[in-house]
PDB file of N, CA and C in Angstrom:
ATOM      1  N   MET A   1      -6.875  62.069 115.972  1.00  0.00           N
ATOM      2  CA  MET A   1      -8.017  61.499 115.304  1.00  0.00           C
ATOM      3  C   MET A   1      -8.338  60.173 115.998  1.00  0.00           C
ATOM      4  N   ASN A   2      -9.611  59.979 116.313  1.00  0.00           N
ATOM      5  CA  ASN A   2      -9.941  58.735 117.003  1.00  0.00           C
ATOM      6  C   ASN A   2      -9.982  57.554 116.034  1.00  0.00           C
ATOM      7  N   ARG A   3     -10.061  56.391 116.582  1.00  0.00           N
ATOM      8  CA  ARG A   3      -9.975  55.159 115.802  1.00  0.00           C
ATOM      9  C   ARG A   3     -11.117  55.057 114.784  1.00  0.00           C
ATOM     10  N   PHE A   4     -12.323  55.382 115.190  1.00  0.00           N
ATOM     11  CA  PHE A   4     -13.479  55.306 114.294  1.00  0.00           C
ATOM     12  C   PHE A   4     -13.298  56.217 113.078  1.00  0.00           C
ATOM     13  N   THR A   5     -12.826  57.424 113.302  1.00  0.00           N
ATOM     14  CA  THR A   5     -12.635  58.379 112.212  1.00  0.00           C
ATOM     15  C   THR A   5     -11.570  57.884 111.240  1.00  0.00           C
ATOM     16  N   LYS A   6     -10.507  57.291 111.763  1.00  0.00           N
ATOM     17  CA  LYS A   6      -9.466  56.753 110.898  1.00  0.00           C
ATOM     18  C   LYS A   6     -10.005  55.639 110.010  1.00  0.00           C
ATOM     19  N   ILE A   7     -10.765  54.741 110.598  1.00  0.00           N
ATOM     20  CA  ILE A   7     -11.312  53.621 109.833  1.00  0.00           C
ATOM     21  C   ILE A   7     -12.318  54.125 108.804  1.00  0.00           C
ATOM     22  N   ALA A   8     -13.168  55.063 109.208  1.00  0.00           N
ATOM     23  CA  ALA A   8     -14.159  55.610 108.283  1.00  0.00           C
ATOM     24  C   ALA A   8     -13.485  56.336 107.126  1.00  0.00           C
ATOM     25  N   SER A   9     -12.439  57.089 107.406  1.00  0.00           N
ATOM     26  CA  SER A   9     -11.715  57.807 106.360  1.00  0.00           C
ATOM     27  C   SER A   9     -11.047  56.834 105.392  1.00  0.00           C
ATOM     28  N   ALA A  10     -10.409  55.818 105.925  1.00  0.00           N
ATOM     29  CA  ALA A  10      -9.739  54.831 105.073  1.00  0.00           C
ATOM     30  C   ALA A  10     -10.751  54.106 104.194  1.00  0.00           C
ATOM     31  N   THR A  11     -11.893  53.772 104.748  1.00  0.00           N
ATOM     32  CA  THR A  11     -12.942  53.098 103.978  1.00  0.00           C
ATOM     33  C   THR A  11     -13.460  54.004 102.869  1.00  0.00           C
ATOM     34  N   LEU A  12     -13.689  55.254 103.197  1.00  0.00           N
ATOM     35  CA  LEU A  12     -14.179  56.205 102.205  1.00  0.00           C
ATOM     36  C   LEU A  12     -13.197  56.363 101.050  1.00  0.00           C
ATOM     37  N   PHE A  13     -11.910  56.501 101.353  1.00  0.00           N
ATOM     38  CA  PHE A  13     -10.907  56.631 100.294  1.00  0.00           C
ATOM     39  C   PHE A  13     -10.844  55.377  99.433  1.00  0.00           C
ATOM     40  N   ALA A  14     -10.948  54.208 100.048  1.00  0.00           N
ATOM     41  CA  ALA A  14     -10.911  52.957  99.294  1.00  0.00           C
ATOM     42  C   ALA A  14     -12.107  52.859  98.353  1.00  0.00           C
ATOM     43  N   VAL A  15     -13.287  53.199  98.834  1.00  0.00           N
ATOM     44  CA  VAL A  15     -14.493  53.131  98.011  1.00  0.00           C
ATOM     45  C   VAL A  15     -14.429  54.144  96.874  1.00  0.00           C
ATOM     46  N   LEU A  16     -13.987  55.346  97.151  1.00  0.00           N
ATOM     47  CA  LEU A  16     -13.903  56.363  96.111  1.00  0.00           C
ATOM     48  C   LEU A  16     -12.894  56.001  95.035  1.00  0.00           C
ATOM     49  N   SER A  17     -11.778  55.411  95.419  1.00  0.00           N
ATOM     50  CA  SER A  17     -10.777  55.052  94.412  1.00  0.00           C
ATOM     51  C   SER A  17     -11.289  53.942  93.509  1.00  0.00           C
ATOM     52  N   VAL A  18     -12.023  52.991  94.038  1.00  0.00           N
ATOM     53  CA  VAL A  18     -12.586  51.921  93.221  1.00  0.00           C
ATOM     54  C   VAL A  18     -13.677  52.475  92.325  1.00  0.00           C
ATOM     55  N   ALA A  19     -14.516  53.338  92.844  1.00  0.00           N
ATOM     56  CA  ALA A  19     -15.591  53.927  92.042  1.00  0.00           C
ATOM     57  C   ALA A  19     -15.029  54.760  90.907  1.00  0.00           C
ATOM     58  N   GLY A  20     -13.987  55.505  91.161  1.00  0.00           N
ATOM     59  CA  GLY A  20     -13.371  56.310  90.112  1.00  0.00           C
ATOM     60  C   GLY A  20     -12.784  55.451  89.016  1.00  0.00           C
ATOM     61  N   TYR A  21     -12.170  54.351  89.377  1.00  0.00           N
ATOM     62  CA  TYR A  21     -11.573  53.473  88.390  1.00  0.00           C
ATOM     63  C   TYR A  21     -12.642  52.799  87.541  1.00  0.00           C
ATOM     64  N   SER A  22     -13.760  52.456  88.133  1.00  0.00           N
ATOM     65  CA  SER A  22     -14.787  51.737  87.385  1.00  0.00           C
ATOM     66  C   SER A  22     -15.423  52.602  86.313  1.00  0.00           C
ATOM     67  N   HIS A  23     -15.307  53.913  86.410  1.00  0.00           N
ATOM     68  CA  HIS A  23     -15.878  54.795  85.410  1.00  0.00           C
ATOM     69  C   HIS A  23     -14.896  55.132  84.300  1.00  0.00           C
ATOM     70  N   ALA A  24     -13.681  54.648  84.384  1.00  0.00           N
ATOM     71  CA  ALA A  24     -12.700  54.925  83.335  1.00  0.00           C
ATOM     72  C   ALA A  24     -13.113  54.214  82.056  1.00  0.00           C
ATOM     73  N   ALA A  25     -12.865  54.844  80.923  1.00  0.00           N
ATOM     74  CA  ALA A  25     -13.236  54.250  79.644  1.00  0.00           C
ATOM     75  C   ALA A  25     -12.313  53.089  79.321  1.00  0.00           C
ATOM     76  N   THR A  26     -12.893  51.981  78.932  1.00  0.00           N
ATOM     77  CA  THR A  26     -12.111  50.824  78.540  1.00  0.00           C
ATOM     78  C   THR A  26     -11.694  50.985  77.083  1.00  0.00           C
ATOM     79  N   PRO A  27     -10.644  50.285  76.663  1.00  0.00           N
ATOM     80  CA  PRO A  27     -10.247  50.382  75.258  1.00  0.00           C
ATOM     81  C   PRO A  27     -11.396  50.003  74.315  1.00  0.00           C
ATOM     82  N   ARG A  28     -12.191  49.020  74.701  1.00  0.00           N
ATOM     83  CA  ARG A  28     -13.321  48.603  73.858  1.00  0.00           C
ATOM     84  C   ARG A  28     -14.347  49.725  73.745  1.00  0.00           C
ATOM     85  N   ALA A  29     -14.612  50.415  74.852  1.00  0.00           N
ATOM     86  CA  ALA A  29     -15.567  51.527  74.826  1.00  0.00           C
ATOM     87  C   ALA A  29     -15.061  52.656  73.939  1.00  0.00           C
ATOM     88  N   VAL A  30     -13.759  52.908  73.973  1.00  0.00           N
ATOM     89  CA  VAL A  30     -13.172  53.948  73.118  1.00  0.00           C
ATOM     90  C   VAL A  30     -13.292  53.527  71.652  1.00  0.00           C
ATOM     91  N   ASP A  31     -12.992  52.259  71.359  1.00  0.00           N
ATOM     92  CA  ASP A  31     -13.113  51.771  69.979  1.00  0.00           C
ATOM     93  C   ASP A  31     -14.548  51.921  69.472  1.00  0.00           C
ATOM     94  N   ASP A  32     -15.513  51.531  70.290  1.00  0.00           N
ATOM     95  CA  ASP A  32     -16.919  51.643  69.895  1.00  0.00           C
ATOM     96  C   ASP A  32     -17.320  53.100  69.673  1.00  0.00           C
ATOM     97  N   ALA A  33     -16.869  53.982  70.551  1.00  0.00           N
ATOM     98  CA  ALA A  33     -17.195  55.404  70.409  1.00  0.00           C
ATOM     99  C   ALA A  33     -16.559  55.987  69.151  1.00  0.00           C
ATOM    100  N   LEU A  34     -15.357  55.549  68.825  1.00  0.00           N
ATOM    101  CA  LEU A  34     -14.692  56.037  67.612  1.00  0.00           C
ATOM    102  C   LEU A  34     -15.455  55.617  66.358  1.00  0.00           C
ATOM    103  N   ARG A  35     -15.989  54.421  66.382  1.00  0.00           N
ATOM    104  CA  ARG A  35     -16.736  53.923  65.226  1.00  0.00           C
ATOM    105  C   ARG A  35     -18.030  54.689  65.012  1.00  0.00           C
ATOM    106  N   SER A  36     -18.662  55.115  66.099  1.00  0.00           N
ATOM    107  CA  SER A  36     -20.020  55.648  65.998  1.00  0.00           C
ATOM    108  C   SER A  36     -20.129  57.173  66.081  1.00  0.00           C
ATOM    109  N   THR A  37     -19.087  57.855  66.470  1.00  0.00           N
ATOM    110  CA  THR A  37     -19.162  59.304  66.640  1.00  0.00           C
ATOM    111  C   THR A  37     -18.900  60.009  65.309  1.00  0.00           C
ATOM    112  N   ALA A  38     -19.875  60.779  64.874  1.00  0.00           N
ATOM    113  CA  ALA A  38     -19.721  61.532  63.621  1.00  0.00           C
ATOM    114  C   ALA A  38     -18.942  62.815  63.898  1.00  0.00           C
ATOM    115  N   ARG A  39     -17.912  63.056  63.117  1.00  0.00           N
ATOM    116  CA  ARG A  39     -17.058  64.249  63.227  1.00  0.00           C
ATOM    117  C   ARG A  39     -16.596  64.520  64.660  1.00  0.00           C
ATOM    118  N   PRO A  40     -15.903  63.573  65.248  1.00  0.00           N
ATOM    119  CA  PRO A  40     -15.447  63.776  66.626  1.00  0.00           C
ATOM    120  C   PRO A  40     -14.332  64.807  66.732  1.00  0.00           C
ATOM    121  N   ALA A  41     -14.336  65.511  67.840  1.00  0.00           N
ATOM    122  CA  ALA A  41     -13.228  66.424  68.142  1.00  0.00           C
ATOM    123  C   ALA A  41     -12.072  65.575  68.675  1.00  0.00           C
ATOM    124  N   PHE A  42     -10.851  65.985  68.391  1.00  0.00           N
ATOM    125  CA  PHE A  42      -9.706  65.205  68.856  1.00  0.00           C
ATOM    126  C   PHE A  42      -8.482  66.082  69.012  1.00  0.00           C
ATOM    127  N   ASN A  43      -7.538  65.538  69.766  1.00  0.00           N
ATOM    128  CA  ASN A  43      -6.200  66.109  69.912  1.00  0.00           C
ATOM    129  C   ASN A  43      -5.211  64.997  69.615  1.00  0.00           C
ATOM    130  N   VAL A  44      -4.070  65.361  69.093  1.00  0.00           N
ATOM    131  CA  VAL A  44      -3.022  64.399  68.783  1.00  0.00           C
ATOM    132  C   VAL A  44      -1.810  64.721  69.638  1.00  0.00           C
ATOM    133  N   VAL A  45      -1.279  63.698  70.304  1.00  0.00           N
ATOM    134  CA  VAL A  45      -0.117  63.869  71.170  1.00  0.00           C
ATOM    135  C   VAL A  45       0.947  62.863  70.748  1.00  0.00           C
ATOM    136  N   GLU A  46       2.125  63.360  70.471  1.00  0.00           N
ATOM    137  CA  GLU A  46       3.246  62.463  70.178  1.00  0.00           C
ATOM    138  C   GLU A  46       3.875  62.027  71.489  1.00  0.00           C
ATOM    139  N   LEU A  47       4.092  60.731  71.619  1.00  0.00           N
ATOM    140  CA  LEU A  47       4.653  60.212  72.864  1.00  0.00           C
ATOM    141  C   LEU A  47       5.998  60.846  73.187  1.00  0.00           C
ATOM    142  N   SER A  48       6.759  61.194  72.164  1.00  0.00           N
ATOM    143  CA  SER A  48       8.077  61.798  72.386  1.00  0.00           C
ATOM    144  C   SER A  48       7.985  63.181  73.019  1.00  0.00           C
ATOM    145  N   SER A  49       6.811  63.799  72.970  1.00  0.00           N
ATOM    146  CA  SER A  49       6.649  65.131  73.548  1.00  0.00           C
ATOM    147  C   SER A  49       6.276  65.090  75.029  1.00  0.00           C
ATOM    148  N   LEU A  50       6.008  63.908  75.562  1.00  0.00           N
ATOM    149  CA  LEU A  50       5.582  63.786  76.956  1.00  0.00           C
ATOM    150  C   LEU A  50       6.775  63.702  77.894  1.00  0.00           C
ATOM    151  N   ASP A  51       6.567  64.174  79.107  1.00  0.00           N
ATOM    152  CA  ASP A  51       7.576  64.075  80.159  1.00  0.00           C
ATOM    153  C   ASP A  51       7.839  62.602  80.460  1.00  0.00           C
ATOM    154  N   HIS A  52       9.073  62.256  80.750  1.00  0.00           N
ATOM    155  CA  HIS A  52       9.424  60.854  80.990  1.00  0.00           C
ATOM    156  C   HIS A  52       8.727  60.260  82.211  1.00  0.00           C
ATOM    157  N   ARG A  53       8.146  61.080  83.075  1.00  0.00           N
ATOM    158  CA  ARG A  53       7.409  60.579  84.241  1.00  0.00           C
ATOM    159  C   ARG A  53       5.912  60.512  83.996  1.00  0.00           C
ATOM    160  N   SER A  54       5.478  60.833  82.806  1.00  0.00           N
ATOM    161  CA  SER A  54       4.053  60.863  82.479  1.00  0.00           C
ATOM    162  C   SER A  54       3.441  59.464  82.580  1.00  0.00           C
ATOM    163  N   PRO A  55       2.300  59.333  83.249  1.00  0.00           N
ATOM    164  CA  PRO A  55       1.631  58.027  83.304  1.00  0.00           C
ATOM    165  C   PRO A  55       1.142  57.577  81.924  1.00  0.00           C
ATOM    166  N   VAL A  56       0.824  58.523  81.064  1.00  0.00           N
ATOM    167  CA  VAL A  56       0.403  58.176  79.704  1.00  0.00           C
ATOM    168  C   VAL A  56       1.573  57.559  78.954  1.00  0.00           C
ATOM    169  N   LEU A  57       2.744  58.144  79.084  1.00  0.00           N
ATOM    170  CA  LEU A  57       3.933  57.592  78.432  1.00  0.00           C
ATOM    171  C   LEU A  57       4.215  56.190  78.958  1.00  0.00           C
ATOM    172  N   ALA A  58       4.086  56.010  80.251  1.00  0.00           N
ATOM    173  CA  ALA A  58       4.317  54.688  80.838  1.00  0.00           C
ATOM    174  C   ALA A  58       3.344  53.656  80.276  1.00  0.00           C
ATOM    175  N   GLU A  59       2.115  54.088  80.021  1.00  0.00           N
ATOM    176  CA  GLU A  59       1.100  53.166  79.503  1.00  0.00           C
ATOM    177  C   GLU A  59       1.353  52.770  78.054  1.00  0.00           C
ATOM    178  N   TYR A  60       1.799  53.714  77.228  1.00  0.00           N
ATOM    179  CA  TYR A  60       1.895  53.464  75.791  1.00  0.00           C
ATOM    180  C   TYR A  60       3.313  53.320  75.239  1.00  0.00           C
ATOM    181  N   LYS A  61       4.342  53.518  76.059  1.00  0.00           N
ATOM    182  CA  LYS A  61       5.708  53.532  75.517  1.00  0.00           C
ATOM    183  C   LYS A  61       6.132  52.199  74.914  1.00  0.00           C
ATOM    184  N   ASP A  62       5.604  51.097  75.412  1.00  0.00           N
ATOM    185  CA  ASP A  62       5.995  49.793  74.899  1.00  0.00           C
ATOM    186  C   ASP A  62       4.990  49.221  73.892  1.00  0.00           C
ATOM    187  N   VAL A  63       3.996  50.005  73.535  1.00  0.00           N
ATOM    188  CA  VAL A  63       2.989  49.540  72.573  1.00  0.00           C
ATOM    189  C   VAL A  63       3.490  49.816  71.163  1.00  0.00           C
ATOM    190  N   SER A  64       3.573  48.783  70.383  1.00  0.00           N
ATOM    191  CA  SER A  64       4.005  48.910  68.997  1.00  0.00           C
ATOM    192  C   SER A  64       2.805  49.253  68.119  1.00  0.00           C
ATOM    193  N   PRO A  65       2.998  50.058  67.084  1.00  0.00           N
ATOM    194  CA  PRO A  65       1.898  50.325  66.157  1.00  0.00           C
ATOM    195  C   PRO A  65       1.366  49.053  65.489  1.00  0.00           C
ATOM    196  N   ALA A  66       2.162  47.986  65.502  1.00  0.00           N
ATOM    197  CA  ALA A  66       1.740  46.720  64.904  1.00  0.00           C
ATOM    198  C   ALA A  66       1.108  45.766  65.920  1.00  0.00           C
ATOM    199  N   SER A  67       1.010  46.181  67.169  1.00  0.00           N
ATOM    200  CA  SER A  67       0.415  45.313  68.189  1.00  0.00           C
ATOM    201  C   SER A  67      -1.074  45.135  67.933  1.00  0.00           C
ATOM    202  N   MET A  68      -1.648  44.109  68.526  1.00  0.00           N
ATOM    203  CA  MET A  68      -3.066  43.817  68.333  1.00  0.00           C
ATOM    204  C   MET A  68      -3.943  44.966  68.828  1.00  0.00           C
ATOM    205  N   SER A  69      -3.615  45.532  69.986  1.00  0.00           N
ATOM    206  CA  SER A  69      -4.434  46.623  70.520  1.00  0.00           C
ATOM    207  C   SER A  69      -4.376  47.855  69.621  1.00  0.00           C
ATOM    208  N   ALA A  70      -3.190  48.167  69.110  1.00  0.00           N
ATOM    209  CA  ALA A  70      -3.046  49.320  68.219  1.00  0.00           C
ATOM    210  C   ALA A  70      -3.750  49.066  66.894  1.00  0.00           C
ATOM    211  N   ARG A  71      -3.647  47.865  66.376  1.00  0.00           N
ATOM    212  CA  ARG A  71      -4.322  47.551  65.106  1.00  0.00           C
ATOM    213  C   ARG A  71      -5.837  47.606  65.252  1.00  0.00           C
ATOM    214  N   ASP A  72      -6.360  47.141  66.387  1.00  0.00           N
ATOM    215  CA  ASP A  72      -7.809  47.236  66.626  1.00  0.00           C
ATOM    216  C   ASP A  72      -8.248  48.699  66.662  1.00  0.00           C
ATOM    217  N   LEU A  73      -7.473  49.524  67.341  1.00  0.00           N
ATOM    218  CA  LEU A  73      -7.768  50.951  67.425  1.00  0.00           C
ATOM    219  C   LEU A  73      -7.705  51.593  66.038  1.00  0.00           C
ATOM    220  N   GLN A  74      -6.677  51.265  65.291  1.00  0.00           N
ATOM    221  CA  GLN A  74      -6.525  51.816  63.943  1.00  0.00           C
ATOM    222  C   GLN A  74      -7.686  51.389  63.044  1.00  0.00           C
ATOM    223  N   ALA A  75      -8.166  50.160  63.200  1.00  0.00           N
ATOM    224  CA  ALA A  75      -9.315  49.686  62.413  1.00  0.00           C
ATOM    225  C   ALA A  75     -10.575  50.466  62.783  1.00  0.00           C
ATOM    226  N   SER A  76     -10.731  50.788  64.060  1.00  0.00           N
ATOM    227  CA  SER A  76     -11.882  51.587  64.493  1.00  0.00           C
ATOM    228  C   SER A  76     -11.839  52.981  63.858  1.00  0.00           C
ATOM    229  N   ILE A  77     -10.650  53.539  63.808  1.00  0.00           N
ATOM    230  CA  ILE A  77     -10.491  54.861  63.197  1.00  0.00           C
ATOM    231  C   ILE A  77     -10.768  54.787  61.697  1.00  0.00           C
ATOM    232  N   GLU A  78     -10.231  53.776  61.053  1.00  0.00           N
ATOM    233  CA  GLU A  78     -10.431  53.614  59.604  1.00  0.00           C
ATOM    234  C   GLU A  78     -11.910  53.449  59.261  1.00  0.00           C
ATOM    235  N   SER A  79     -12.684  52.823  60.143  1.00  0.00           N
ATOM    236  CA  SER A  79     -14.097  52.598  59.847  1.00  0.00           C
ATOM    237  C   SER A  79     -14.940  53.865  59.961  1.00  0.00           C
ATOM    238  N   ASN A  80     -14.401  54.901  60.609  1.00  0.00           N
ATOM    239  CA  ASN A  80     -15.106  56.181  60.730  1.00  0.00           C
ATOM    240  C   ASN A  80     -14.548  57.107  59.645  1.00  0.00           C
ATOM    241  N   HIS A  81     -15.258  57.180  58.529  1.00  0.00           N
ATOM    242  CA  HIS A  81     -14.751  57.926  57.362  1.00  0.00           C
ATOM    243  C   HIS A  81     -14.504  59.401  57.674  1.00  0.00           C
ATOM    244  N   SER A  82     -15.381  59.993  58.446  1.00  0.00           N
ATOM    245  CA  SER A  82     -15.229  61.406  58.796  1.00  0.00           C
ATOM    246  C   SER A  82     -13.949  61.625  59.606  1.00  0.00           C
ATOM    247  N   LEU A  83     -13.737  60.779  60.601  1.00  0.00           N
ATOM    248  CA  LEU A  83     -12.539  60.888  61.436  1.00  0.00           C
ATOM    249  C   LEU A  83     -11.291  60.634  60.610  1.00  0.00           C
ATOM    250  N   ARG A  84     -11.342  59.640  59.754  1.00  0.00           N
ATOM    251  CA  ARG A  84     -10.189  59.338  58.903  1.00  0.00           C
ATOM    252  C   ARG A  84      -9.813  60.549  58.043  1.00  0.00           C
ATOM    253  N   ARG A  85     -10.817  61.219  57.480  1.00  0.00           N
ATOM    254  CA  ARG A  85     -10.543  62.418  56.669  1.00  0.00           C
ATOM    255  C   ARG A  85      -9.974  63.548  57.527  1.00  0.00           C
ATOM    256  N   GLN A  86     -10.514  63.728  58.733  1.00  0.00           N
ATOM    257  CA  GLN A  86     -10.013  64.772  59.628  1.00  0.00           C
ATOM    258  C   GLN A  86      -8.551  64.522  59.978  1.00  0.00           C
ATOM    259  N   LEU A  87      -8.216  63.285  60.303  1.00  0.00           N
ATOM    260  CA  LEU A  87      -6.834  62.957  60.658  1.00  0.00           C
ATOM    261  C   LEU A  87      -5.910  63.140  59.457  1.00  0.00           C
ATOM    262  N   SER A  88      -6.368  62.745  58.290  1.00  0.00           N
ATOM    263  CA  SER A  88      -5.556  62.930  57.079  1.00  0.00           C
ATOM    264  C   SER A  88      -5.305  64.409  56.814  1.00  0.00           C
ATOM    265  N   ALA A  89      -6.314  65.232  57.050  1.00  0.00           N
ATOM    266  CA  ALA A  89      -6.162  66.676  56.855  1.00  0.00           C
ATOM    267  C   ALA A  89      -5.133  67.267  57.817  1.00  0.00           C
ATOM    268  N   GLU A  90      -4.967  66.631  58.966  1.00  0.00           N
ATOM    269  CA  GLU A  90      -3.982  67.076  59.958  1.00  0.00           C
ATOM    270  C   GLU A  90      -2.630  66.398  59.748  1.00  0.00           C
ATOM    271  N   ASN A  91      -2.484  65.638  58.655  1.00  0.00           N
ATOM    272  CA  ASN A  91      -1.260  64.887  58.334  1.00  0.00           C
ATOM    273  C   ASN A  91      -0.893  63.866  59.397  1.00  0.00           C
ATOM    274  N   VAL A  92      -1.907  63.232  59.975  1.00  0.00           N
ATOM    275  CA  VAL A  92      -1.682  62.183  60.968  1.00  0.00           C
ATOM    276  C   VAL A  92      -1.725  60.839  60.252  1.00  0.00           C
ATOM    277  N   GLU A  93      -0.655  60.077  60.382  1.00  0.00           N
ATOM    278  CA  GLU A  93      -0.575  58.739  59.811  1.00  0.00           C
ATOM    279  C   GLU A  93      -1.255  57.779  60.794  1.00  0.00           C
ATOM    280  N   ILE A  94      -2.393  57.224  60.393  1.00  0.00           N
ATOM    281  CA  ILE A  94      -3.176  56.367  61.284  1.00  0.00           C
ATOM    282  C   ILE A  94      -2.352  55.165  61.751  1.00  0.00           C
ATOM    283  N   GLY A  95      -1.466  54.670  60.931  1.00  0.00           N
ATOM    284  CA  GLY A  95      -0.620  53.537  61.302  1.00  0.00           C
ATOM    285  C   GLY A  95       0.351  53.832  62.428  1.00  0.00           C
ATOM    286  N   ASN A  96       0.524  55.099  62.808  1.00  0.00           N
ATOM    287  CA  ASN A  96       1.409  55.464  63.913  1.00  0.00           C
ATOM    288  C   ASN A  96       0.673  55.645  65.240  1.00  0.00           C
ATOM    289  N   ILE A  97      -0.646  55.531  65.224  1.00  0.00           N
ATOM    290  CA  ILE A  97      -1.432  55.693  66.448  1.00  0.00           C
ATOM    291  C   ILE A  97      -1.332  54.418  67.273  1.00  0.00           C
ATOM    292  N   VAL A  98      -0.932  54.573  68.544  1.00  0.00           N
ATOM    293  CA  VAL A  98      -0.777  53.411  69.422  1.00  0.00           C
ATOM    294  C   VAL A  98      -1.778  53.408  70.579  1.00  0.00           C
ATOM    295  N   GLY A  99      -2.483  54.508  70.784  1.00  0.00           N
ATOM    296  CA  GLY A  99      -3.446  54.559  71.876  1.00  0.00           C
ATOM    297  C   GLY A  99      -4.401  55.712  71.717  1.00  0.00           C
ATOM    298  N   ALA A 100      -5.507  55.605  72.431  1.00  0.00           N
ATOM    299  CA  ALA A 100      -6.506  56.674  72.418  1.00  0.00           C
ATOM    300  C   ALA A 100      -7.254  56.659  73.738  1.00  0.00           C
ATOM    301  N   GLU A 101      -7.695  57.830  74.121  1.00  0.00           N
ATOM    302  CA  GLU A 101      -8.499  57.968  75.329  1.00  0.00           C
ATOM    303  C   GLU A 101      -9.616  58.952  75.026  1.00  0.00           C
ATOM    304  N   ARG A 102     -10.677  58.836  75.771  1.00  0.00           N
ATOM    305  CA  ARG A 102     -11.775  59.796  75.643  1.00  0.00           C
ATOM    306  C   ARG A 102     -11.648  60.803  76.770  1.00  0.00           C
ATOM    307  N   ALA A 103     -11.605  62.073  76.418  1.00  0.00           N
ATOM    308  CA  ALA A 103     -11.469  63.150  77.401  1.00  0.00           C
ATOM    309  C   ALA A 103     -12.821  63.405  78.067  1.00  0.00           C
ATOM    310  N   ALA A 104     -12.788  64.143  79.157  1.00  0.00           N
ATOM    311  CA  ALA A 104     -14.004  64.443  79.905  1.00  0.00           C
ATOM    312  C   ALA A 104     -15.018  65.215  79.080  1.00  0.00           C
ATOM    313  N   ASP A 105     -14.544  66.006  78.115  1.00  0.00           N
ATOM    314  CA  ASP A 105     -15.464  66.790  77.290  1.00  0.00           C
ATOM    315  C   ASP A 105     -16.014  66.004  76.091  1.00  0.00           C
ATOM    316  N   GLY A 106     -15.679  64.714  75.997  1.00  0.00           N
ATOM    317  CA  GLY A 106     -16.172  63.876  74.913  1.00  0.00           C
ATOM    318  C   GLY A 106     -15.260  63.791  73.718  1.00  0.00           C
ATOM    319  N   SER A 107     -14.226  64.614  73.681  1.00  0.00           N
ATOM    320  CA  SER A 107     -13.277  64.547  72.571  1.00  0.00           C
ATOM    321  C   SER A 107     -12.334  63.366  72.786  1.00  0.00           C
ATOM    322  N   PHE A 108     -11.543  63.089  71.782  1.00  0.00           N
ATOM    323  CA  PHE A 108     -10.596  61.980  71.855  1.00  0.00           C
ATOM    324  C   PHE A 108      -9.174  62.523  71.863  1.00  0.00           C
ATOM    325  N   VAL A 109      -8.282  61.766  72.487  1.00  0.00           N
ATOM    326  CA  VAL A 109      -6.854  62.074  72.464  1.00  0.00           C
ATOM    327  C   VAL A 109      -6.182  60.862  71.836  1.00  0.00           C
ATOM    328  N   PHE A 110      -5.457  61.095  70.735  1.00  0.00           N
ATOM    329  CA  PHE A 110      -4.722  60.032  70.067  1.00  0.00           C
ATOM    330  C   PHE A 110      -3.251  60.163  70.397  1.00  0.00           C
ATOM    331  N   TYR A 111      -2.632  59.028  70.721  1.00  0.00           N
ATOM    332  CA  TYR A 111      -1.214  59.004  71.044  1.00  0.00           C
ATOM    333  C   TYR A 111      -0.459  58.346  69.910  1.00  0.00           C
ATOM    334  N   LEU A 112       0.534  59.063  69.398  1.00  0.00           N
ATOM    335  CA  LEU A 112       1.310  58.593  68.255  1.00  0.00           C
ATOM    336  C   LEU A 112       2.719  58.225  68.632  1.00  0.00           C
ATOM    337  N   ARG A 113       3.217  57.213  67.998  1.00  0.00           N
ATOM    338  CA  ARG A 113       4.598  56.794  68.157  1.00  0.00           C
ATOM    339  C   ARG A 113       5.447  57.658  67.276  1.00  0.00           C
TER     340      ARG A 113
END
């Protein structure tokens, strides 16, 4: 591979990785979406069920349900009455939720301690 192609390839990979990261949902965006989405679809994942090498586990394993980020998330869930009822029907204790992400299909994934 010639020098120009190597530099062009490296530049392209660098730009794509930054662009991909900038489109990731921020915790604030997830909180806002939780507040405003009527009857959202969701999945619940217990952190204990994840593989020890999971990047999701690495992100949330040290988050306490009493932490500020978890409490903000829990408040967002509590403010959405429809979601709160759906989670209660699934026997999910909102106080055990430590993280959430928005999936590509628009549904939410809640991570429980």
